[in-house]
Amino acid sequence: MEIPGAAALWTVGSFLLGQGVVFGGVLINNASQARRERAAREAERQRLSADRREVFELAHLQDLHAELTELMLVAETCVVQWITWYEGLHDPRLRRDPGSRAGLEASATALQRTTEQHLEKINRLSGLVIPDYLRLRLDGAHGQYAFVLENVHDREPGETRRGLSLALSALKVAQAAVAARIREIYVGADSLSRATTESR
């Protein structure tokens, strides 16, 4: 024998239980959706932050590469002119022609000023947002060339020429490393752009 009140109670209870399950599912889905949206926003924020860092780094790397290029145009000539000037102390032809020696000194002095300006800019730029491995390479090459330039007056010409050759090689390697990092950023940006386009 069925009790009418119990059947009604069971029906109402089942309905409420079903509604509770549906409501609980909606809450769980909403919470899950909110977590996914937060994660997507955070990922987008991190991507934009990385993009800004790369744009900032790229601008400094391009400035750095330009300064290295400018330095390479005058670095060797500057030191060679000073070597020639010092060798002229022992060259009777130059002693007989003091105007030639004075012109060489003026030219070497002007080149040294230009070279030191480039060295100063390179030193400043290498202290900014570039990877540590690149900074170490730049600092080493910069220091090597600066040492040759500062000691050109105190060393024997042959020793200075050997030091200059090594310093110029180090500067070329550093310049190539900067160029490689610039390409790396461009390739990374290009790949990301292509992946974003394909995912749409």
N, C-alpha and C. Protein backbone atom coordinates (compact mmCIF):
# COMPACT_ATOMS: atom_id res chain seq x y z
N MET A 1 0.84 -1.16 0.00
CA MET A 1 0.00 0.00 0.00
C MET A 1 0.89 1.24 0.00
N GLU A 2 0.64 2.09 -0.94
CA GLU A 2 1.49 3.28 -1.12
C GLU A 2 0.88 4.43 -0.33
N ILE A 3 1.77 5.17 0.33
CA ILE A 3 1.32 6.32 1.10
C ILE A 3 1.40 7.54 0.20
N PRO A 4 0.26 8.25 -0.06
CA PRO A 4 0.26 9.37 -0.98
C PRO A 4 1.20 10.48 -0.57
N GLY A 5 1.33 10.75 0.70
CA GLY A 5 2.21 11.84 1.16
C GLY A 5 3.68 11.51 0.90
N ALA A 6 4.02 10.23 1.04
CA ALA A 6 5.42 9.82 0.84
C ALA A 6 5.79 9.94 -0.63
N ALA A 7 4.84 9.59 -1.53
CA ALA A 7 5.11 9.69 -2.96
C ALA A 7 5.31 11.15 -3.34
N ALA A 8 4.50 12.01 -2.79
CA ALA A 8 4.63 13.44 -3.09
C ALA A 8 5.96 13.97 -2.54
N LEU A 9 6.30 13.51 -1.36
CA LEU A 9 7.56 13.92 -0.75
C LEU A 9 8.75 13.42 -1.58
N TRP A 10 8.64 12.18 -2.02
CA TRP A 10 9.70 11.61 -2.86
C TRP A 10 9.82 12.40 -4.16
N THR A 11 8.71 12.76 -4.79
CA THR A 11 8.72 13.51 -6.04
C THR A 11 9.36 14.89 -5.84
N VAL A 12 8.94 15.57 -4.78
CA VAL A 12 9.49 16.89 -4.49
C VAL A 12 10.98 16.76 -4.15
N GLY A 13 11.34 15.76 -3.37
CA GLY A 13 12.74 15.54 -2.99
C GLY A 13 13.60 15.25 -4.22
N SER A 14 13.07 14.40 -5.12
CA SER A 14 13.82 14.08 -6.36
C SER A 14 14.01 15.33 -7.21
N PHE A 15 12.96 16.12 -7.30
CA PHE A 15 13.03 17.34 -8.09
C PHE A 15 14.10 18.29 -7.51
N LEU A 16 14.05 18.49 -6.18
CA LEU A 16 15.01 19.37 -5.52
C LEU A 16 16.44 18.83 -5.65
N LEU A 17 16.58 17.52 -5.53
CA LEU A 17 17.90 16.90 -5.68
C LEU A 17 18.42 17.11 -7.10
N GLY A 18 17.56 16.92 -8.09
CA GLY A 18 17.95 17.13 -9.49
C GLY A 18 18.35 18.58 -9.73
N GLN A 19 17.57 19.50 -9.18
CA GLN A 19 17.88 20.91 -9.32
C GLN A 19 19.21 21.26 -8.64
N GLY A 20 19.44 20.63 -7.49
CA GLY A 20 20.70 20.85 -6.77
C GLY A 20 21.90 20.36 -7.58
N VAL A 21 21.72 19.20 -8.22
CA VAL A 21 22.81 18.65 -9.06
C VAL A 21 23.07 19.58 -10.24
N VAL A 22 21.98 20.03 -10.89
CA VAL A 22 22.13 20.94 -12.03
C VAL A 22 22.79 22.24 -11.58
N PHE A 23 22.33 22.81 -10.47
CA PHE A 23 22.88 24.05 -9.95
C PHE A 23 24.36 23.88 -9.57
N GLY A 24 24.67 22.75 -8.93
CA GLY A 24 26.07 22.45 -8.56
C GLY A 24 26.93 22.33 -9.80
N GLY A 25 26.40 21.67 -10.84
CA GLY A 25 27.16 21.54 -12.10
C GLY A 25 27.42 22.90 -12.73
N VAL A 26 26.41 23.78 -12.70
CA VAL A 26 26.57 25.12 -13.25
C VAL A 26 27.65 25.88 -12.47
N LEU A 27 27.61 25.77 -11.13
CA LEU A 27 28.63 26.44 -10.30
C LEU A 27 30.03 25.93 -10.62
N ILE A 28 30.15 24.61 -10.73
CA ILE A 28 31.46 24.01 -11.03
C ILE A 28 31.94 24.46 -12.41
N ASN A 29 31.03 24.44 -13.41
CA ASN A 29 31.40 24.89 -14.76
C ASN A 29 31.80 26.36 -14.77
N ASN A 30 31.05 27.19 -14.05
CA ASN A 30 31.38 28.62 -13.99
C ASN A 30 32.73 28.85 -13.33
N ALA A 31 33.00 28.13 -12.26
CA ALA A 31 34.29 28.27 -11.57
C ALA A 31 35.43 27.81 -12.48
N SER A 32 35.18 26.71 -13.17
CA SER A 32 36.20 26.19 -14.09
C SER A 32 36.45 27.17 -15.24
N GLN A 33 35.37 27.73 -15.79
CA GLN A 33 35.48 28.71 -16.87
C GLN A 33 36.23 29.95 -16.39
N ALA A 34 35.93 30.40 -15.17
CA ALA A 34 36.60 31.57 -14.60
C ALA A 34 38.10 31.30 -14.45
N ARG A 35 38.46 30.08 -13.99
CA ARG A 35 39.88 29.72 -13.86
C ARG A 35 40.57 29.73 -15.22
N ARG A 36 39.89 29.17 -16.24
CA ARG A 36 40.47 29.15 -17.59
C ARG A 36 40.66 30.57 -18.12
N GLU A 37 39.68 31.44 -17.88
CA GLU A 37 39.79 32.82 -18.34
C GLU A 37 40.92 33.56 -17.62
N ARG A 38 41.05 33.33 -16.29
CA ARG A 38 42.15 33.95 -15.55
C ARG A 38 43.49 33.46 -16.07
N ALA A 39 43.60 32.16 -16.33
CA ALA A 39 44.85 31.59 -16.86
C ALA A 39 45.15 32.17 -18.24
N ALA A 40 44.13 32.33 -19.07
CA ALA A 40 44.33 32.89 -20.41
C ALA A 40 44.76 34.35 -20.33
N ARG A 41 44.14 35.12 -19.42
CA ARG A 41 44.52 36.53 -19.24
C ARG A 41 45.97 36.64 -18.74
N GLU A 42 46.32 35.76 -17.79
CA GLU A 42 47.69 35.77 -17.26
C GLU A 42 48.71 35.40 -18.34
N ALA A 43 48.37 34.40 -19.15
CA ALA A 43 49.27 34.00 -20.25
C ALA A 43 49.42 35.14 -21.25
N GLU A 44 48.33 35.82 -21.55
CA GLU A 44 48.38 36.95 -22.49
C GLU A 44 49.20 38.10 -21.90
N ARG A 45 49.03 38.36 -20.59
CA ARG A 45 49.80 39.40 -19.93
C ARG A 45 51.30 39.08 -19.97
N GLN A 46 51.63 37.81 -19.71
CA GLN A 46 53.04 37.41 -19.75
C GLN A 46 53.60 37.50 -21.18
N ARG A 47 52.79 37.13 -22.17
CA ARG A 47 53.23 37.20 -23.56
C ARG A 47 53.49 38.66 -23.97
N LEU A 48 52.58 39.56 -23.58
CA LEU A 48 52.75 40.98 -23.89
C LEU A 48 53.97 41.55 -23.19
N SER A 49 54.18 41.13 -21.94
CA SER A 49 55.35 41.59 -21.19
C SER A 49 56.64 41.10 -21.86
N ALA A 50 56.65 39.83 -22.30
CA ALA A 50 57.82 39.28 -23.00
C ALA A 50 58.04 40.01 -24.32
N ASP A 51 56.95 40.32 -25.03
CA ASP A 51 57.07 41.06 -26.29
C ASP A 51 57.68 42.44 -26.06
N ARG A 52 57.21 43.13 -25.00
CA ARG A 52 57.75 44.46 -24.70
C ARG A 52 59.25 44.37 -24.36
N ARG A 53 59.60 43.34 -23.57
CA ARG A 53 61.02 43.16 -23.23
C ARG A 53 61.85 42.93 -24.48
N GLU A 54 61.34 42.09 -25.39
CA GLU A 54 62.08 41.79 -26.61
C GLU A 54 62.20 43.03 -27.51
N VAL A 55 61.14 43.83 -27.58
CA VAL A 55 61.20 45.05 -28.38
C VAL A 55 62.24 46.00 -27.80
N PHE A 56 62.25 46.12 -26.47
CA PHE A 56 63.22 46.98 -25.79
C PHE A 56 64.64 46.45 -26.01
N GLU A 57 64.81 45.14 -25.84
CA GLU A 57 66.13 44.53 -26.07
C GLU A 57 66.57 44.70 -27.52
N LEU A 58 65.65 44.50 -28.44
CA LEU A 58 65.97 44.61 -29.87
C LEU A 58 66.47 46.02 -30.21
N ALA A 59 65.79 47.03 -29.68
CA ALA A 59 66.21 48.42 -29.95
C ALA A 59 67.63 48.65 -29.44
N HIS A 60 67.94 48.15 -28.23
CA HIS A 60 69.28 48.33 -27.68
C HIS A 60 70.32 47.51 -28.45
N LEU A 61 69.94 46.32 -28.87
CA LEU A 61 70.88 45.51 -29.65
C LEU A 61 71.21 46.17 -30.98
N GLN A 62 70.21 46.76 -31.61
CA GLN A 62 70.45 47.44 -32.88
C GLN A 62 71.37 48.65 -32.68
N ASP A 63 71.16 49.40 -31.60
CA ASP A 63 72.05 50.52 -31.28
C ASP A 63 73.46 50.02 -31.00
N LEU A 64 73.54 48.92 -30.27
CA LEU A 64 74.83 48.33 -29.93
C LEU A 64 75.57 47.86 -31.18
N HIS A 65 74.85 47.21 -32.09
CA HIS A 65 75.45 46.73 -33.33
C HIS A 65 75.95 47.92 -34.16
N ALA A 66 75.17 48.98 -34.20
CA ALA A 66 75.58 50.18 -34.95
C ALA A 66 76.85 50.79 -34.35
N GLU A 67 76.92 50.85 -33.01
CA GLU A 67 78.12 51.39 -32.37
C GLU A 67 79.34 50.51 -32.63
N LEU A 68 79.15 49.19 -32.58
CA LEU A 68 80.26 48.28 -32.88
C LEU A 68 80.74 48.47 -34.31
N THR A 69 79.79 48.64 -35.23
CA THR A 69 80.15 48.86 -36.63
C THR A 69 80.95 50.15 -36.79
N GLU A 70 80.49 51.22 -36.13
CA GLU A 70 81.20 52.50 -36.19
C GLU A 70 82.59 52.38 -35.57
N LEU A 71 82.67 51.67 -34.46
CA LEU A 71 83.97 51.48 -33.82
C LEU A 71 84.94 50.73 -34.74
N MET A 72 84.43 49.68 -35.39
CA MET A 72 85.28 48.88 -36.26
C MET A 72 85.84 49.70 -37.43
N LEU A 73 85.14 50.76 -37.82
CA LEU A 73 85.61 51.59 -38.92
C LEU A 73 86.85 52.41 -38.54
N VAL A 74 87.00 52.73 -37.24
CA VAL A 74 88.11 53.59 -36.83
C VAL A 74 89.10 52.92 -35.89
N ALA A 75 88.73 51.79 -35.32
CA ALA A 75 89.55 51.16 -34.26
C ALA A 75 90.96 50.84 -34.72
N GLU A 76 91.08 50.19 -35.84
CA GLU A 76 92.40 49.77 -36.31
C GLU A 76 93.23 50.98 -36.74
N THR A 77 92.63 51.88 -37.51
CA THR A 77 93.36 53.05 -38.02
C THR A 77 93.89 53.90 -36.87
N CYS A 78 93.09 54.05 -35.83
CA CYS A 78 93.49 54.86 -34.68
C CYS A 78 94.78 54.32 -34.06
N VAL A 79 94.78 53.03 -33.74
CA VAL A 79 95.96 52.44 -33.08
C VAL A 79 97.15 52.43 -34.03
N VAL A 80 96.92 52.10 -35.30
CA VAL A 80 98.02 52.06 -36.28
C VAL A 80 98.65 53.44 -36.43
N GLN A 81 97.83 54.49 -36.42
CA GLN A 81 98.40 55.84 -36.53
C GLN A 81 99.25 56.19 -35.31
N TRP A 82 98.81 55.77 -34.13
CA TRP A 82 99.62 56.03 -32.94
C TRP A 82 100.93 55.23 -33.01
N ILE A 83 100.84 53.99 -33.48
CA ILE A 83 102.06 53.20 -33.63
C ILE A 83 103.02 53.89 -34.59
N THR A 84 102.49 54.35 -35.71
CA THR A 84 103.32 55.04 -36.71
C THR A 84 103.92 56.31 -36.12
N TRP A 85 103.14 57.03 -35.34
CA TRP A 85 103.64 58.25 -34.70
C TRP A 85 104.81 57.94 -33.78
N TYR A 86 104.65 56.86 -32.96
CA TYR A 86 105.73 56.50 -32.04
C TYR A 86 106.94 55.95 -32.77
N GLU A 87 106.70 55.21 -33.82
CA GLU A 87 107.82 54.72 -34.62
C GLU A 87 108.57 55.91 -35.24
N GLY A 88 107.86 56.99 -35.49
CA GLY A 88 108.46 58.20 -36.05
C GLY A 88 109.47 58.85 -35.13
N LEU A 89 109.40 58.53 -33.84
CA LEU A 89 110.40 59.06 -32.92
C LEU A 89 111.79 58.57 -33.31
N HIS A 90 111.84 57.41 -33.97
CA HIS A 90 113.12 56.81 -34.35
C HIS A 90 113.35 56.87 -35.86
N ASP A 91 112.44 57.53 -36.58
CA ASP A 91 112.55 57.61 -38.04
C ASP A 91 113.09 58.99 -38.42
N PRO A 92 114.31 59.04 -38.96
CA PRO A 92 114.90 60.35 -39.29
C PRO A 92 114.08 61.14 -40.30
N ARG A 93 113.37 60.47 -41.20
CA ARG A 93 112.58 61.20 -42.21
C ARG A 93 111.49 62.03 -41.54
N LEU A 94 110.80 61.42 -40.56
CA LEU A 94 109.73 62.15 -39.88
C LEU A 94 110.29 63.25 -38.98
N ARG A 95 111.49 63.03 -38.44
CA ARG A 95 112.08 64.09 -37.61
C ARG A 95 112.44 65.30 -38.45
N ARG A 96 112.81 65.06 -39.71
CA ARG A 96 113.13 66.18 -40.59
C ARG A 96 111.87 66.92 -41.04
N ASP A 97 110.71 66.22 -40.97
CA ASP A 97 109.45 66.83 -41.42
C ASP A 97 108.47 66.88 -40.25
N PRO A 98 108.66 67.84 -39.33
CA PRO A 98 107.80 67.89 -38.14
C PRO A 98 106.32 68.13 -38.48
N GLY A 99 106.05 68.77 -39.61
CA GLY A 99 104.65 69.00 -40.00
C GLY A 99 103.93 67.70 -40.25
N SER A 100 104.61 66.75 -40.87
CA SER A 100 104.02 65.44 -41.14
C SER A 100 103.71 64.72 -39.84
N ARG A 101 104.65 64.82 -38.89
CA ARG A 101 104.44 64.15 -37.60
C ARG A 101 103.31 64.83 -36.83
N ALA A 102 103.25 66.14 -36.89
CA ALA A 102 102.18 66.88 -36.20
C ALA A 102 100.82 66.54 -36.81
N GLY A 103 100.77 66.42 -38.13
CA GLY A 103 99.51 66.04 -38.79
C GLY A 103 99.07 64.65 -38.39
N LEU A 104 100.04 63.74 -38.29
CA LEU A 104 99.73 62.36 -37.87
C LEU A 104 99.21 62.34 -36.44
N GLU A 105 99.82 63.14 -35.59
CA GLU A 105 99.38 63.21 -34.19
C GLU A 105 97.97 63.78 -34.09
N ALA A 106 97.69 64.82 -34.86
CA ALA A 106 96.34 65.42 -34.83
C ALA A 106 95.30 64.42 -35.33
N SER A 107 95.64 63.70 -36.38
CA SER A 107 94.71 62.71 -36.93
C SER A 107 94.48 61.58 -35.92
N ALA A 108 95.56 61.09 -35.31
CA ALA A 108 95.43 60.00 -34.33
C ALA A 108 94.64 60.45 -33.11
N THR A 109 94.86 61.70 -32.68
CA THR A 109 94.13 62.23 -31.52
C THR A 109 92.63 62.33 -31.82
N ALA A 110 92.29 62.80 -33.02
CA ALA A 110 90.88 62.91 -33.41
C ALA A 110 90.24 61.52 -33.48
N LEU A 111 90.96 60.58 -34.07
CA LEU A 111 90.44 59.21 -34.15
C LEU A 111 90.28 58.61 -32.76
N GLN A 112 91.20 58.90 -31.86
CA GLN A 112 91.10 58.37 -30.51
C GLN A 112 89.87 58.92 -29.80
N ARG A 113 89.60 60.21 -29.98
CA ARG A 113 88.39 60.79 -29.37
C ARG A 113 87.14 60.07 -29.88
N THR A 114 87.08 59.87 -31.21
CA THR A 114 85.92 59.18 -31.81
C THR A 114 85.82 57.76 -31.27
N THR A 115 86.95 57.08 -31.22
CA THR A 115 86.98 55.70 -30.73
C THR A 115 86.51 55.62 -29.29
N GLU A 116 86.98 56.53 -28.46
CA GLU A 116 86.58 56.52 -27.04
C GLU A 116 85.09 56.80 -26.87
N GLN A 117 84.53 57.65 -27.74
CA GLN A 117 83.08 57.90 -27.68
C GLN A 117 82.32 56.61 -27.99
N HIS A 118 82.76 55.88 -29.02
CA HIS A 118 82.10 54.62 -29.35
C HIS A 118 82.26 53.60 -28.23
N LEU A 119 83.45 53.53 -27.65
CA LEU A 119 83.69 52.60 -26.54
C LEU A 119 82.78 52.92 -25.35
N GLU A 120 82.62 54.21 -25.08
CA GLU A 120 81.75 54.63 -23.96
C GLU A 120 80.29 54.23 -24.22
N LYS A 121 79.82 54.45 -25.45
CA LYS A 121 78.43 54.08 -25.79
C LYS A 121 78.25 52.56 -25.73
N ILE A 122 79.23 51.82 -26.23
CA ILE A 122 79.15 50.35 -26.18
C ILE A 122 79.10 49.88 -24.74
N ASN A 123 79.93 50.47 -23.90
CA ASN A 123 79.95 50.10 -22.48
C ASN A 123 78.60 50.38 -21.84
N ARG A 124 78.01 51.53 -22.14
CA ARG A 124 76.69 51.89 -21.58
C ARG A 124 75.61 50.94 -22.08
N LEU A 125 75.59 50.68 -23.39
CA LEU A 125 74.55 49.82 -23.97
C LEU A 125 74.67 48.37 -23.51
N SER A 126 75.90 47.91 -23.30
CA SER A 126 76.07 46.50 -22.91
C SER A 126 75.62 46.27 -21.47
N GLY A 127 75.44 47.33 -20.71
CA GLY A 127 74.98 47.19 -19.34
C GLY A 127 73.47 47.10 -19.22
N LEU A 128 72.77 47.19 -20.35
CA LEU A 128 71.30 47.18 -20.31
C LEU A 128 70.74 45.78 -20.48
N VAL A 129 69.63 45.67 -21.17
CA VAL A 129 68.83 44.44 -21.19
C VAL A 129 69.29 43.41 -22.22
N ILE A 130 70.52 42.98 -22.14
CA ILE A 130 70.98 41.94 -23.05
C ILE A 130 71.34 40.70 -22.23
N PRO A 131 71.31 39.53 -22.85
CA PRO A 131 71.63 38.31 -22.10
C PRO A 131 73.05 38.36 -21.53
N ASP A 132 73.25 37.68 -20.41
CA ASP A 132 74.54 37.71 -19.72
C ASP A 132 75.69 37.19 -20.59
N TYR A 133 75.44 36.11 -21.35
CA TYR A 133 76.52 35.55 -22.18
C TYR A 133 77.00 36.60 -23.19
N LEU A 134 76.09 37.39 -23.70
CA LEU A 134 76.43 38.42 -24.68
C LEU A 134 77.16 39.58 -24.00
N ARG A 135 76.70 39.94 -22.82
CA ARG A 135 77.35 41.01 -22.06
C ARG A 135 78.80 40.65 -21.74
N LEU A 136 79.03 39.40 -21.33
CA LEU A 136 80.39 38.96 -21.02
C LEU A 136 81.30 39.03 -22.25
N ARG A 137 80.76 38.61 -23.39
CA ARG A 137 81.54 38.65 -24.63
C ARG A 137 81.88 40.11 -25.01
N LEU A 138 80.88 40.98 -24.89
CA LEU A 138 81.10 42.40 -25.21
C LEU A 138 82.08 43.05 -24.25
N ASP A 139 81.91 42.76 -22.96
CA ASP A 139 82.81 43.34 -21.97
C ASP A 139 84.25 42.90 -22.21
N GLY A 140 84.42 41.62 -22.56
CA GLY A 140 85.76 41.11 -22.84
C GLY A 140 86.40 41.79 -24.04
N ALA A 141 85.64 41.90 -25.13
CA ALA A 141 86.17 42.53 -26.35
C ALA A 141 86.43 44.01 -26.11
N HIS A 142 85.50 44.67 -25.44
CA HIS A 142 85.63 46.09 -25.13
C HIS A 142 86.89 46.32 -24.29
N GLY A 143 87.04 45.52 -23.25
CA GLY A 143 88.20 45.66 -22.37
C GLY A 143 89.52 45.39 -23.09
N GLN A 144 89.51 44.40 -23.95
CA GLN A 144 90.72 44.05 -24.70
C GLN A 144 91.16 45.20 -25.60
N TYR A 145 90.20 45.77 -26.34
CA TYR A 145 90.56 46.88 -27.23
C TYR A 145 90.94 48.12 -26.42
N ALA A 146 90.18 48.42 -25.36
CA ALA A 146 90.48 49.60 -24.53
C ALA A 146 91.88 49.50 -23.95
N PHE A 147 92.28 48.29 -23.55
CA PHE A 147 93.63 48.09 -23.00
C PHE A 147 94.70 48.42 -24.04
N VAL A 148 94.50 47.94 -25.28
CA VAL A 148 95.46 48.23 -26.35
C VAL A 148 95.55 49.73 -26.58
N LEU A 149 94.40 50.39 -26.65
CA LEU A 149 94.37 51.83 -26.92
C LEU A 149 95.04 52.63 -25.80
N GLU A 150 94.77 52.25 -24.55
CA GLU A 150 95.32 52.98 -23.41
C GLU A 150 96.82 52.77 -23.28
N ASN A 151 97.33 51.63 -23.72
CA ASN A 151 98.74 51.32 -23.53
C ASN A 151 99.57 51.44 -24.79
N VAL A 152 99.01 52.03 -25.84
CA VAL A 152 99.72 52.14 -27.10
C VAL A 152 101.02 52.95 -26.94
N HIS A 153 101.05 53.87 -25.99
CA HIS A 153 102.22 54.72 -25.79
C HIS A 153 103.32 54.00 -24.99
N ASP A 154 102.94 52.96 -24.27
CA ASP A 154 103.88 52.32 -23.35
C ASP A 154 104.43 50.99 -23.84
N ARG A 155 103.94 50.51 -24.96
CA ARG A 155 104.35 49.19 -25.41
C ARG A 155 105.14 49.28 -26.71
N GLU A 156 105.89 48.23 -26.94
CA GLU A 156 106.67 48.11 -28.16
C GLU A 156 105.71 47.94 -29.34
N PRO A 157 105.94 48.59 -30.48
CA PRO A 157 105.00 48.55 -31.60
C PRO A 157 104.57 47.15 -32.03
N GLY A 158 105.51 46.19 -32.06
CA GLY A 158 105.15 44.83 -32.47
C GLY A 158 104.15 44.21 -31.50
N GLU A 159 104.36 44.44 -30.21
CA GLU A 159 103.45 43.91 -29.19
C GLU A 159 102.07 44.57 -29.32
N THR A 160 102.07 45.87 -29.59
CA THR A 160 100.80 46.59 -29.77
C THR A 160 100.05 46.06 -30.99
N ARG A 161 100.77 45.79 -32.08
CA ARG A 161 100.12 45.25 -33.28
C ARG A 161 99.50 43.88 -33.01
N ARG A 162 100.21 43.04 -32.26
CA ARG A 162 99.65 41.72 -31.93
C ARG A 162 98.40 41.86 -31.05
N GLY A 163 98.49 42.74 -30.05
CA GLY A 163 97.34 42.98 -29.18
C GLY A 163 96.16 43.55 -29.95
N LEU A 164 96.45 44.44 -30.90
CA LEU A 164 95.39 45.03 -31.73
C LEU A 164 94.70 43.96 -32.56
N SER A 165 95.48 43.07 -33.14
CA SER A 165 94.90 42.00 -33.95
C SER A 165 93.95 41.13 -33.14
N LEU A 166 94.36 40.78 -31.92
CA LEU A 166 93.51 39.96 -31.04
C LEU A 166 92.26 40.73 -30.62
N ALA A 167 92.44 42.01 -30.31
CA ALA A 167 91.30 42.83 -29.87
C ALA A 167 90.29 43.01 -31.00
N LEU A 168 90.76 43.22 -32.23
CA LEU A 168 89.85 43.37 -33.37
C LEU A 168 89.09 42.08 -33.63
N SER A 169 89.77 40.95 -33.48
CA SER A 169 89.08 39.65 -33.64
C SER A 169 87.99 39.49 -32.60
N ALA A 170 88.29 39.87 -31.34
CA ALA A 170 87.29 39.77 -30.27
C ALA A 170 86.11 40.69 -30.54
N LEU A 171 86.37 41.89 -31.07
CA LEU A 171 85.28 42.81 -31.41
C LEU A 171 84.41 42.24 -32.52
N LYS A 172 85.03 41.61 -33.51
CA LYS A 172 84.26 41.01 -34.62
C LYS A 172 83.39 39.88 -34.11
N VAL A 173 83.92 39.05 -33.21
CA VAL A 173 83.14 37.95 -32.63
C VAL A 173 81.96 38.51 -31.82
N ALA A 174 82.22 39.56 -31.05
CA ALA A 174 81.15 40.19 -30.26
C ALA A 174 80.07 40.77 -31.17
N GLN A 175 80.50 41.42 -32.25
CA GLN A 175 79.55 41.99 -33.21
C GLN A 175 78.72 40.89 -33.86
N ALA A 176 79.34 39.78 -34.19
CA ALA A 176 78.61 38.64 -34.78
C ALA A 176 77.61 38.07 -33.77
N ALA A 177 77.99 38.03 -32.49
CA ALA A 177 77.08 37.52 -31.46
C ALA A 177 75.87 38.43 -31.29
N VAL A 178 76.09 39.75 -31.37
CA VAL A 178 74.97 40.70 -31.28
C VAL A 178 74.04 40.50 -32.48
N ALA A 179 74.63 40.36 -33.68
CA ALA A 179 73.82 40.14 -34.88
C ALA A 179 73.02 38.84 -34.77
N ALA A 180 73.64 37.80 -34.21
CA ALA A 180 72.94 36.51 -34.05
C ALA A 180 71.75 36.66 -33.10
N ARG A 181 71.92 37.43 -32.02
CA ARG A 181 70.82 37.65 -31.07
C ARG A 181 69.70 38.44 -31.72
N ILE A 182 70.04 39.42 -32.57
CA ILE A 182 69.02 40.19 -33.29
C ILE A 182 68.21 39.24 -34.19
N ARG A 183 68.92 38.38 -34.92
CA ARG A 183 68.23 37.41 -35.80
C ARG A 183 67.34 36.48 -34.98
N GLU A 184 67.83 36.05 -33.83
CA GLU A 184 67.07 35.15 -32.95
C GLU A 184 65.75 35.78 -32.53
N ILE A 185 65.79 37.06 -32.18
CA ILE A 185 64.56 37.76 -31.78
C ILE A 185 63.61 37.86 -32.97
N TYR A 186 64.14 38.23 -34.14
CA TYR A 186 63.30 38.34 -35.33
C TYR A 186 62.68 37.00 -35.71
N VAL A 187 63.47 35.93 -35.65
CA VAL A 187 62.95 34.60 -36.00
C VAL A 187 61.88 34.17 -35.01
N GLY A 188 62.12 34.44 -33.72
CA GLY A 188 61.13 34.11 -32.69
C GLY A 188 59.83 34.87 -32.89
N ALA A 189 59.93 36.15 -33.19
CA ALA A 189 58.74 36.98 -33.42
C ALA A 189 58.00 36.52 -34.67
N ASP A 190 58.76 36.16 -35.71
CA ASP A 190 58.16 35.69 -36.95
C ASP A 190 57.43 34.36 -36.75
N SER A 191 58.05 33.45 -36.00
CA SER A 191 57.42 32.14 -35.72
C SER A 191 56.14 32.32 -34.91
N LEU A 192 56.20 33.21 -33.90
CA LEU A 192 55.03 33.46 -33.07
C LEU A 192 53.91 34.07 -33.90
N SER A 193 54.24 35.01 -34.77
CA SER A 193 53.25 35.64 -35.63
C SER A 193 52.61 34.62 -36.56
N ARG A 194 53.42 33.73 -37.12
CA ARG A 194 52.91 32.71 -38.03
C ARG A 194 52.00 31.73 -37.27
N ALA A 195 52.41 31.34 -36.06
CA ALA A 195 51.60 30.41 -35.27
C ALA A 195 50.27 31.03 -34.88
N THR A 196 50.29 32.33 -34.55
CA THR A 196 49.05 33.03 -34.18
C THR A 196 48.11 33.11 -35.38
N THR A 197 48.66 33.40 -36.55
CA THR A 197 47.86 33.49 -37.76
C THR A 197 47.25 32.13 -38.11
N GLU A 198 48.02 31.06 -37.98
CA GLU A 198 47.52 29.71 -38.31
C GLU A 198 46.47 29.24 -37.33
N SER A 199 46.53 29.70 -36.07
CA SER A 199 45.57 29.23 -35.08
C SER A 199 44.21 29.92 -35.22
N ARG A 200 44.16 30.99 -36.02
CA ARG A 200 42.87 31.71 -36.19
C ARG A 200 41.99 31.04 -37.19
